[in-house]
Amino acid sequence: MTNLAREIDACRLCADRFAATETRHAPRPVVWFQPAARVRIIGQAPGMRVHKSGLPFDDPSGDRLRDWMGVDRETFYDKTRIAITPMGFCFPGYDAKGSDLPPPKICAKTWADRVDATLSDVPLTLLVGGYAQARHLGRGKGVTATVQAWRDHAPRLFPLPHPSWRNTGWLKKNPWFEAKLLPVLQARVAEMLSHPSAEAKL
């Protein structure tokens, strides 16, 4: 781990906040990045399954995201190639209705600028979901409009909907996403990963 990754891994700022949720869980930051990465994924926050395993996107959403990117698990979990830095590093917990809570704002306020600085040379970033898009592109007209305007940000940035099963209906209503955006995204990911990272050259 880098020094920054160790600091995030040791963070317990939200211990009281998480203890007050329906899940009453302790913080477990899921830290998955190295400065040499070629692709960066900025998502929302880990879910319960990821909280337990310690692997980001270790769930059906991750399977769908890997399919969108055109990469296998081995490639996806190679930190020298792909960095995964959510807006909240810990599982936020569930509310009384069993729904995911949003990532605590204090997480991004504490860590996001430093993570951005550390990963400033990563040539390709995927903004997965509304929280990441709002931070890096500003608050616009919502996820659908932002993703529809993907050409305005490519080839360095690609805004994507969250790959959750809950968005299956969205995918059916927006066939252009798979027909137009994904082929370009997959080609760009393949291009980035075909170049060895700085760390791999050492």
C-alpha atoms as a PDB file:
ATOM      1  CA  MET A   1       0.000   0.000   0.000  1.00  0.00           C
ATOM      2  CA  THR A   2       0.975   3.598  -0.510  1.00  0.00           C
ATOM      3  CA  ASN A   3       1.040   5.838   2.556  1.00  0.00           C
ATOM      4  CA  LEU A   4      -2.303   7.335   1.513  1.00  0.00           C
ATOM      5  CA  ALA A   5      -3.863   3.906   1.083  1.00  0.00           C
ATOM      6  CA  ARG A   6      -2.683   2.952   4.578  1.00  0.00           C
ATOM      7  CA  GLU A   7      -4.244   6.106   6.028  1.00  0.00           C
ATOM      8  CA  ILE A   8      -7.573   5.357   4.356  1.00  0.00           C
ATOM      9  CA  ASP A   9      -7.411   1.727   5.468  1.00  0.00           C
ATOM     10  CA  ALA A  10      -7.010   2.880   9.063  1.00  0.00           C
ATOM     11  CA  CYS A  11      -9.820   5.456   8.896  1.00  0.00           C
ATOM     12  CA  ARG A  12     -12.578   5.102  11.506  1.00  0.00           C
ATOM     13  CA  LEU A  13     -14.232   8.521  11.174  1.00  0.00           C
ATOM     14  CA  CYS A  14     -17.671   6.985  10.638  1.00  0.00           C
ATOM     15  CA  ALA A  15     -17.623   4.415  13.451  1.00  0.00           C
ATOM     16  CA  ASP A  16     -20.439   6.103  15.397  1.00  0.00           C
ATOM     17  CA  ARG A  17     -22.423   6.783  12.217  1.00  0.00           C
ATOM     18  CA  PHE A  18     -22.287   3.125  11.116  1.00  0.00           C
ATOM     19  CA  ALA A  19     -23.053   1.838  14.596  1.00  0.00           C
ATOM     20  CA  ALA A  20     -26.321   3.804  14.447  1.00  0.00           C
ATOM     21  CA  THR A  21     -27.499   2.179  11.177  1.00  0.00           C
ATOM     22  CA  GLU A  22     -29.743  -0.872  10.925  1.00  0.00           C
ATOM     23  CA  THR A  23     -26.665  -3.030  10.227  1.00  0.00           C
ATOM     24  CA  ARG A  24     -24.692  -1.670  13.207  1.00  0.00           C
ATOM     25  CA  HIS A  25     -21.441  -2.509  11.471  1.00  0.00           C
ATOM     26  CA  ALA A  26     -17.898  -1.278  12.013  1.00  0.00           C
ATOM     27  CA  PRO A  27     -15.971   0.643   9.340  1.00  0.00           C
ATOM     28  CA  ARG A  28     -14.021  -1.444   6.862  1.00  0.00           C
ATOM     29  CA  PRO A  29     -12.518   0.744   4.136  1.00  0.00           C
ATOM     30  CA  VAL A  30     -12.100  -1.134   0.864  1.00  0.00           C
ATOM     31  CA  VAL A  31      -8.923   0.406  -0.534  1.00  0.00           C
ATOM     32  CA  TRP A  32      -7.898  -0.660  -4.035  1.00  0.00           C
ATOM     33  CA  PHE A  33      -5.528   1.627  -5.912  1.00  0.00           C
ATOM     34  CA  GLN A  34      -1.947   2.266  -6.911  1.00  0.00           C
ATOM     35  CA  PRO A  35      -0.647   5.367  -8.712  1.00  0.00           C
ATOM     36  CA  ALA A  36       0.594   3.281 -11.676  1.00  0.00           C
ATOM     37  CA  ALA A  37      -2.940   2.230 -12.722  1.00  0.00           C
ATOM     38  CA  ARG A  38      -4.087   2.830 -16.305  1.00  0.00           C
ATOM     39  CA  VAL A  39      -7.842   2.796 -15.614  1.00  0.00           C
ATOM     40  CA  ARG A  40      -9.685   4.302 -12.653  1.00  0.00           C
ATOM     41  CA  ILE A  41     -13.216   3.413 -11.580  1.00  0.00           C
ATOM     42  CA  ILE A  42     -15.025   5.894  -9.326  1.00  0.00           C
ATOM     43  CA  GLY A  43     -18.229   4.404  -7.969  1.00  0.00           C
ATOM     44  CA  GLN A  44     -20.570   4.992  -5.055  1.00  0.00           C
ATOM     45  CA  ALA A  45     -19.691   2.854  -2.030  1.00  0.00           C
ATOM     46  CA  PRO A  46     -19.241  -0.830  -1.183  1.00  0.00           C
ATOM     47  CA  GLY A  47     -22.299  -2.962  -0.525  1.00  0.00           C
ATOM     48  CA  MET A  48     -22.681  -5.543   2.220  1.00  0.00           C
ATOM     49  CA  ARG A  49     -21.113  -8.345   0.182  1.00  0.00           C
ATOM     50  CA  VAL A  50     -18.063  -6.219  -0.596  1.00  0.00           C
ATOM     51  CA  HIS A  51     -17.902  -5.163   3.049  1.00  0.00           C
ATOM     52  CA  LYS A  52     -17.565  -8.831   3.993  1.00  0.00           C
ATOM     53  CA  SER A  53     -15.111  -9.882   1.278  1.00  0.00           C
ATOM     54  CA  GLY A  54     -12.939  -6.774   1.077  1.00  0.00           C
ATOM     55  CA  LEU A  55     -12.956  -6.969  -2.736  1.00  0.00           C
ATOM     56  CA  PRO A  56     -14.527  -4.028  -4.607  1.00  0.00           C
ATOM     57  CA  PHE A  57     -17.373  -4.952  -6.963  1.00  0.00           C
ATOM     58  CA  ASP A  58     -17.292  -8.539  -5.705  1.00  0.00           C
ATOM     59  CA  ASP A  59     -20.977  -9.000  -6.528  1.00  0.00           C
ATOM     60  CA  PRO A  60     -23.381  -9.211  -9.501  1.00  0.00           C
ATOM     61  CA  SER A  61     -22.889  -5.477 -10.115  1.00  0.00           C
ATOM     62  CA  GLY A  62     -19.193  -6.171 -10.531  1.00  0.00           C
ATOM     63  CA  ASP A  63     -19.907  -8.982 -12.980  1.00  0.00           C
ATOM     64  CA  ARG A  64     -21.942  -6.583 -15.095  1.00  0.00           C
ATOM     65  CA  LEU A  65     -19.314  -3.836 -14.860  1.00  0.00           C
ATOM     66  CA  ARG A  66     -16.564  -6.241 -15.935  1.00  0.00           C
ATOM     67  CA  ASP A  67     -18.743  -7.276 -18.867  1.00  0.00           C
ATOM     68  CA  TRP A  68     -19.251  -3.630 -19.823  1.00  0.00           C
ATOM     69  CA  MET A  69     -15.483  -3.078 -19.705  1.00  0.00           C
ATOM     70  CA  GLY A  70     -14.621  -6.308 -21.504  1.00  0.00           C
ATOM     71  CA  VAL A  71     -12.200  -7.532 -18.813  1.00  0.00           C
ATOM     72  CA  ASP A  72     -11.942 -10.683 -16.714  1.00  0.00           C
ATOM     73  CA  ARG A  73     -11.657 -10.865 -12.912  1.00  0.00           C
ATOM     74  CA  GLU A  74      -7.888 -11.332 -12.947  1.00  0.00           C
ATOM     75  CA  THR A  75      -7.379  -8.158 -14.951  1.00  0.00           C
ATOM     76  CA  PHE A  76      -9.997  -6.249 -12.969  1.00  0.00           C
ATOM     77  CA  TYR A  77      -8.287  -6.982  -9.655  1.00  0.00           C
ATOM     78  CA  ASP A  78      -4.765  -6.111 -10.818  1.00  0.00           C
ATOM     79  CA  LYS A  79      -4.067  -2.928  -8.854  1.00  0.00           C
ATOM     80  CA  THR A  80      -1.179  -1.997 -11.112  1.00  0.00           C
ATOM     81  CA  ARG A  81      -3.676  -1.702 -13.972  1.00  0.00           C
ATOM     82  CA  ILE A  82      -7.077  -0.773 -12.492  1.00  0.00           C
ATOM     83  CA  ALA A  83      -7.735   1.530  -9.517  1.00  0.00           C
ATOM     84  CA  ILE A  84     -11.122   1.454  -7.769  1.00  0.00           C
ATOM     85  CA  THR A  85     -11.885   4.502  -5.628  1.00  0.00           C
ATOM     86  CA  PRO A  86     -15.530   4.948  -4.569  1.00  0.00           C
ATOM     87  CA  MET A  87     -17.017   8.145  -3.205  1.00  0.00           C
ATOM     88  CA  GLY A  88     -17.306   6.330   0.112  1.00  0.00           C
ATOM     89  CA  PHE A  89     -14.675   3.714   0.941  1.00  0.00           C
ATOM     90  CA  CYS A  90     -16.859   1.893   3.484  1.00  0.00           C
ATOM     91  CA  PHE A  91     -20.244   0.202   3.301  1.00  0.00           C
ATOM     92  CA  PRO A  92     -22.636   2.938   4.523  1.00  0.00           C
ATOM     93  CA  GLY A  93     -25.216   0.502   5.910  1.00  0.00           C
ATOM     94  CA  TYR A  94     -28.973   0.150   5.420  1.00  0.00           C
ATOM     95  CA  ASP A  95     -31.812   2.364   6.506  1.00  0.00           C
ATOM     96  CA  ALA A  96     -34.886   1.086   8.355  1.00  0.00           C
ATOM     97  CA  LYS A  97     -36.433  -0.056   5.040  1.00  0.00           C
ATOM     98  CA  GLY A  98     -33.381  -2.089   4.059  1.00  0.00           C
ATOM     99  CA  SER A  99     -32.182   0.314   1.376  1.00  0.00           C
ATOM    100  CA  ASP A 100     -28.544   1.323   0.938  1.00  0.00           C
ATOM    101  CA  LEU A 101     -27.636   4.567   2.631  1.00  0.00           C
ATOM    102  CA  PRO A 102     -25.698   7.140   0.557  1.00  0.00           C
ATOM    103  CA  PRO A 103     -21.932   7.389   1.015  1.00  0.00           C
ATOM    104  CA  PRO A 104     -21.183   9.751   3.935  1.00  0.00           C
ATOM    105  CA  LYS A 105     -20.077  13.137   2.622  1.00  0.00           C
ATOM    106  CA  ILE A 106     -17.264  13.244   5.172  1.00  0.00           C
ATOM    107  CA  CYS A 107     -15.491  10.443   3.307  1.00  0.00           C
ATOM    108  CA  ALA A 108     -15.126  12.387   0.062  1.00  0.00           C
ATOM    109  CA  LYS A 109     -14.339  15.590   1.973  1.00  0.00           C
ATOM    110  CA  THR A 110     -11.543  13.809   3.820  1.00  0.00           C
ATOM    111  CA  TRP A 111      -9.991  11.729   1.066  1.00  0.00           C
ATOM    112  CA  ALA A 112     -11.190  12.564  -2.461  1.00  0.00           C
ATOM    113  CA  ASP A 113      -8.830  15.464  -3.226  1.00  0.00           C
ATOM    114  CA  ARG A 114      -5.796  13.484  -2.078  1.00  0.00           C
ATOM    115  CA  VAL A 115      -6.836  10.413  -4.037  1.00  0.00           C
ATOM    116  CA  ASP A 116      -7.454  12.561  -7.130  1.00  0.00           C
ATOM    117  CA  ALA A 117      -3.966  14.055  -6.795  1.00  0.00           C
ATOM    118  CA  THR A 118      -2.395  10.621  -6.387  1.00  0.00           C
ATOM    119  CA  LEU A 119      -4.178   9.274  -9.478  1.00  0.00           C
ATOM    120  CA  SER A 120      -3.972  12.423 -11.615  1.00  0.00           C
ATOM    121  CA  ASP A 121      -1.946  10.672 -14.319  1.00  0.00           C
ATOM    122  CA  VAL A 122      -4.419   7.814 -14.885  1.00  0.00           C
ATOM    123  CA  PRO A 123      -5.454   8.205 -18.541  1.00  0.00           C
ATOM    124  CA  LEU A 124      -8.957   6.702 -18.331  1.00  0.00           C
ATOM    125  CA  THR A 125     -11.593   7.202 -15.634  1.00  0.00           C
ATOM    126  CA  LEU A 126     -15.043   5.619 -15.422  1.00  0.00           C
ATOM    127  CA  LEU A 127     -17.610   7.628 -13.447  1.00  0.00           C
ATOM    128  CA  VAL A 128     -20.084   5.023 -12.251  1.00  0.00           C
ATOM    129  CA  GLY A 129     -23.355   6.481 -10.980  1.00  0.00           C
ATOM    130  CA  GLY A 130     -24.655   9.862  -9.961  1.00  0.00           C
ATOM    131  CA  TYR A 131     -22.426  10.563  -6.957  1.00  0.00           C
ATOM    132  CA  ALA A 132     -19.196  10.223  -8.949  1.00  0.00           C
ATOM    133  CA  GLN A 133     -20.623  12.169 -11.871  1.00  0.00           C
ATOM    134  CA  ALA A 134     -21.814  15.013  -9.659  1.00  0.00           C
ATOM    135  CA  ARG A 135     -18.368  15.436  -8.124  1.00  0.00           C
ATOM    136  CA  HIS A 136     -16.350  15.265 -11.325  1.00  0.00           C
ATOM    137  CA  LEU A 137     -18.763  16.716 -13.897  1.00  0.00           C
ATOM    138  CA  GLY A 138     -20.986  18.905 -11.741  1.00  0.00           C
ATOM    139  CA  ARG A 139     -24.649  18.450 -10.999  1.00  0.00           C
ATOM    140  CA  GLY A 140     -26.446  18.315 -14.313  1.00  0.00           C
ATOM    141  CA  LYS A 141     -29.731  16.878 -15.512  1.00  0.00           C
ATOM    142  CA  GLY A 142     -29.332  13.438 -13.962  1.00  0.00           C
ATOM    143  CA  VAL A 143     -27.549  10.209 -14.784  1.00  0.00           C
ATOM    144  CA  THR A 144     -29.407   9.464 -18.018  1.00  0.00           C
ATOM    145  CA  ALA A 145     -28.664  12.847 -19.566  1.00  0.00           C
ATOM    146  CA  THR A 146     -25.072  12.714 -18.356  1.00  0.00           C
ATOM    147  CA  VAL A 147     -24.471   9.261 -19.818  1.00  0.00           C
ATOM    148  CA  GLN A 148     -26.187  10.261 -23.065  1.00  0.00           C
ATOM    149  CA  ALA A 149     -23.609  13.044 -23.363  1.00  0.00           C
ATOM    150  CA  TRP A 150     -20.702  10.627 -22.966  1.00  0.00           C
ATOM    151  CA  ARG A 151     -19.040  11.820 -26.184  1.00  0.00           C
ATOM    152  CA  ASP A 152     -18.526  15.223 -24.532  1.00  0.00           C
ATOM    153  CA  HIS A 153     -16.143  13.621 -22.042  1.00  0.00           C
ATOM    154  CA  ALA A 154     -14.552  10.717 -23.932  1.00  0.00           C
ATOM    155  CA  PRO A 155     -11.935   9.419 -24.375  1.00  0.00           C
ATOM    156  CA  ARG A 156     -10.545  10.363 -20.940  1.00  0.00           C
ATOM    157  CA  LEU A 157     -13.808  10.145 -18.978  1.00  0.00           C
ATOM    158  CA  PHE A 158     -16.771   7.809 -19.442  1.00  0.00           C
ATOM    159  CA  PRO A 159     -19.919   8.405 -17.332  1.00  0.00           C
ATOM    160  CA  LEU A 160     -21.812   5.147 -16.743  1.00  0.00           C
ATOM    161  CA  PRO A 161     -25.016   4.179 -14.936  1.00  0.00           C
ATOM    162  CA  HIS A 162     -24.586   2.007 -11.880  1.00  0.00           C
ATOM    163  CA  PRO A 163     -24.345  -1.664 -12.962  1.00  0.00           C
ATOM    164  CA  SER A 164     -26.823  -2.751 -10.275  1.00  0.00           C
ATOM    165  CA  TRP A 165     -29.544  -5.248 -11.182  1.00  0.00           C
ATOM    166  CA  ARG A 166     -31.969  -2.452 -10.299  1.00  0.00           C
ATOM    167  CA  ASN A 167     -30.932  -0.722 -13.519  1.00  0.00           C
ATOM    168  CA  THR A 168     -31.870  -3.627 -15.796  1.00  0.00           C
ATOM    169  CA  GLY A 169     -35.024  -1.738 -16.766  1.00  0.00           C
ATOM    170  CA  TRP A 170     -32.948   1.348 -17.576  1.00  0.00           C
ATOM    171  CA  LEU A 171     -30.769  -0.702 -19.917  1.00  0.00           C
ATOM    172  CA  LYS A 172     -33.822  -2.001 -21.754  1.00  0.00           C
ATOM    173  CA  LYS A 173     -35.177   1.536 -22.160  1.00  0.00           C
ATOM    174  CA  ASN A 174     -31.821   2.850 -23.377  1.00  0.00           C
ATOM    175  CA  PRO A 175     -30.487   0.339 -25.939  1.00  0.00           C
ATOM    176  CA  TRP A 176     -28.088   2.979 -27.301  1.00  0.00           C
ATOM    177  CA  PHE A 177     -25.947   2.435 -24.202  1.00  0.00           C
ATOM    178  CA  GLU A 178     -24.961  -1.104 -25.160  1.00  0.00           C
ATOM    179  CA  ALA A 179     -25.039  -0.450 -28.910  1.00  0.00           C
ATOM    180  CA  LYS A 180     -23.080   2.813 -29.047  1.00  0.00           C
ATOM    181  CA  LEU A 181     -21.221   3.528 -25.809  1.00  0.00           C
ATOM    182  CA  LEU A 182     -19.983   0.081 -24.749  1.00  0.00           C
ATOM    183  CA  PRO A 183     -18.043  -0.768 -27.928  1.00  0.00           C
ATOM    184  CA  VAL A 184     -16.139   2.505 -27.631  1.00  0.00           C
ATOM    185  CA  LEU A 185     -15.565   1.979 -23.916  1.00  0.00           C
ATOM    186  CA  GLN A 186     -14.286  -1.567 -24.404  1.00  0.00           C
ATOM    187  CA  ALA A 187     -11.909  -0.470 -27.141  1.00  0.00           C
ATOM    188  CA  ARG A 188     -10.595   2.340 -24.933  1.00  0.00           C
ATOM    189  CA  VAL A 189     -10.127   0.027 -21.932  1.00  0.00           C
ATOM    190  CA  ALA A 190      -8.296  -2.504 -24.108  1.00  0.00           C
ATOM    191  CA  GLU A 191      -6.076   0.254 -25.476  1.00  0.00           C
ATOM    192  CA  MET A 192      -5.169   1.468 -21.990  1.00  0.00           C
ATOM    193  CA  LEU A 193      -4.485  -2.001 -20.618  1.00  0.00           C
ATOM    194  CA  SER A 194      -2.341  -2.953 -23.598  1.00  0.00           C
ATOM    195  CA  HIS A 195       0.291  -0.507 -22.356  1.00  0.00           C
ATOM    196  CA  PRO A 196       2.332  -1.733 -19.374  1.00  0.00           C
ATOM    197  CA  SER A 197       1.985   0.388 -16.265  1.00  0.00           C
ATOM    198  CA  ALA A 198       4.951   2.258 -14.859  1.00  0.00           C
ATOM    199  CA  GLU A 199       5.098  -0.134 -11.933  1.00  0.00           C
ATOM    200  CA  ALA A 200       5.045  -3.198 -14.184  1.00  0.00           C
ATOM    201  CA  LYS A 201       8.164  -1.886 -15.925  1.00  0.00           C
ATOM    202  CA  LEU A 202      10.152  -1.750 -12.677  1.00  0.00           C
END
